Amino acid sequence: MQIFEGKTGSNRIKRYVVKTDRKTDIVKYAKRFFKCSEKHLCITCGWIYKNELYLEMPKKGGRLVEVAYWV
């Protein structure tokens, strides 16, 4: 698992949990990381390209990963 950080439009920090291996369960890990229930998590796909996380497919490709964030 990796943790990525970004900033929102209102200059708040947004954290993303990224599943990089196949063995671990992203929902279980994200629930512990964000200290919330499953209904407050959003699980989606993302791409890692040049060590940056993209929630939309970058133009040059990238590696497809699973992403969880708190809603």
Protein backbone atom coordinates (compact mmCIF):
# COMPACT_ATOMS: atom_id res chain seq x y z
CA MET A 1 0.00 0.00 0.00
CA GLN A 2 1.10 3.55 -0.71
CA ILE A 3 -0.29 6.85 0.53
CA PHE A 4 -0.51 9.81 -1.87
CA GLU A 5 -1.43 13.36 -0.89
CA GLY A 6 -2.96 16.16 -2.91
CA LYS A 7 -4.64 19.52 -2.34
CA THR A 8 -8.27 20.37 -2.94
CA GLY A 9 -9.59 23.63 -4.39
CA SER A 10 -10.03 25.03 -0.87
CA ASN A 11 -6.36 24.22 -0.08
CA ARG A 12 -7.11 21.20 2.15
CA ILE A 13 -4.99 18.07 2.12
CA LYS A 14 -6.62 15.02 0.49
CA ARG A 15 -5.09 11.58 1.10
CA TYR A 16 -5.41 8.55 -1.15
CA VAL A 17 -4.64 4.92 -0.27
CA VAL A 18 -3.29 3.05 -3.30
CA LYS A 19 -3.16 -0.73 -3.57
CA THR A 20 0.17 -1.69 -5.12
CA ASP A 21 0.23 -5.42 -4.30
CA ARG A 22 -2.31 -8.18 -4.80
CA LYS A 23 -2.25 -9.74 -1.32
CA THR A 24 -3.72 -7.00 0.86
CA ASP A 25 -7.34 -5.90 1.08
CA ILE A 26 -7.69 -2.19 0.31
CA VAL A 27 -11.02 -1.79 2.14
CA LYS A 28 -9.69 -3.22 5.40
CA TYR A 29 -6.51 -1.12 5.22
CA ALA A 30 -8.35 2.10 4.27
CA LYS A 31 -10.88 1.65 7.09
CA ARG A 32 -8.02 1.50 9.57
CA PHE A 33 -6.09 4.36 7.94
CA PHE A 34 -9.03 6.80 7.76
CA LYS A 35 -10.69 5.47 10.97
CA CYS A 36 -14.11 5.26 9.32
CA SER A 37 -16.67 2.74 8.16
CA GLU A 38 -16.96 1.31 4.67
CA LYS A 39 -19.82 3.64 3.73
CA HIS A 40 -17.46 6.64 3.99
CA LEU A 41 -14.93 5.17 1.54
CA CYS A 42 -14.88 5.58 -2.21
CA ILE A 43 -13.04 2.83 -4.08
CA THR A 44 -12.09 3.60 -7.67
CA CYS A 45 -9.35 2.92 -10.19
CA GLY A 46 -6.41 5.19 -10.85
CA TRP A 47 -3.11 5.22 -12.68
CA ILE A 48 0.45 5.69 -11.48
CA TYR A 49 2.70 7.38 -14.02
CA LYS A 50 6.19 8.65 -13.11
CA ASN A 51 5.44 8.22 -9.39
CA GLU A 52 2.36 10.49 -9.62
CA LEU A 53 -1.22 9.37 -9.01
CA TYR A 54 -3.86 10.16 -11.65
CA LEU A 55 -7.57 9.52 -11.19
CA GLU A 56 -8.10 10.01 -14.92
CA MET A 57 -6.07 8.12 -17.50
CA PRO A 58 -2.90 10.04 -18.40
CA LYS A 59 -2.07 10.57 -22.08
CA LYS A 60 1.03 8.36 -22.06
CA GLY A 61 -0.44 5.40 -20.13
CA GLY A 62 0.60 4.21 -16.72
CA ARG A 63 0.01 1.35 -14.32
CA LEU A 64 -3.59 0.66 -13.31
CA VAL A 65 -4.12 0.58 -9.52
CA GLU A 66 -6.98 0.52 -7.05
CA VAL A 67 -7.52 3.76 -5.05
CA ALA A 68 -9.51 4.45 -1.88
CA TYR A 69 -10.30 7.84 -0.40
CA TRP A 70 -12.52 9.26 2.33
CA VAL A 71 -15.80 10.90 1.33
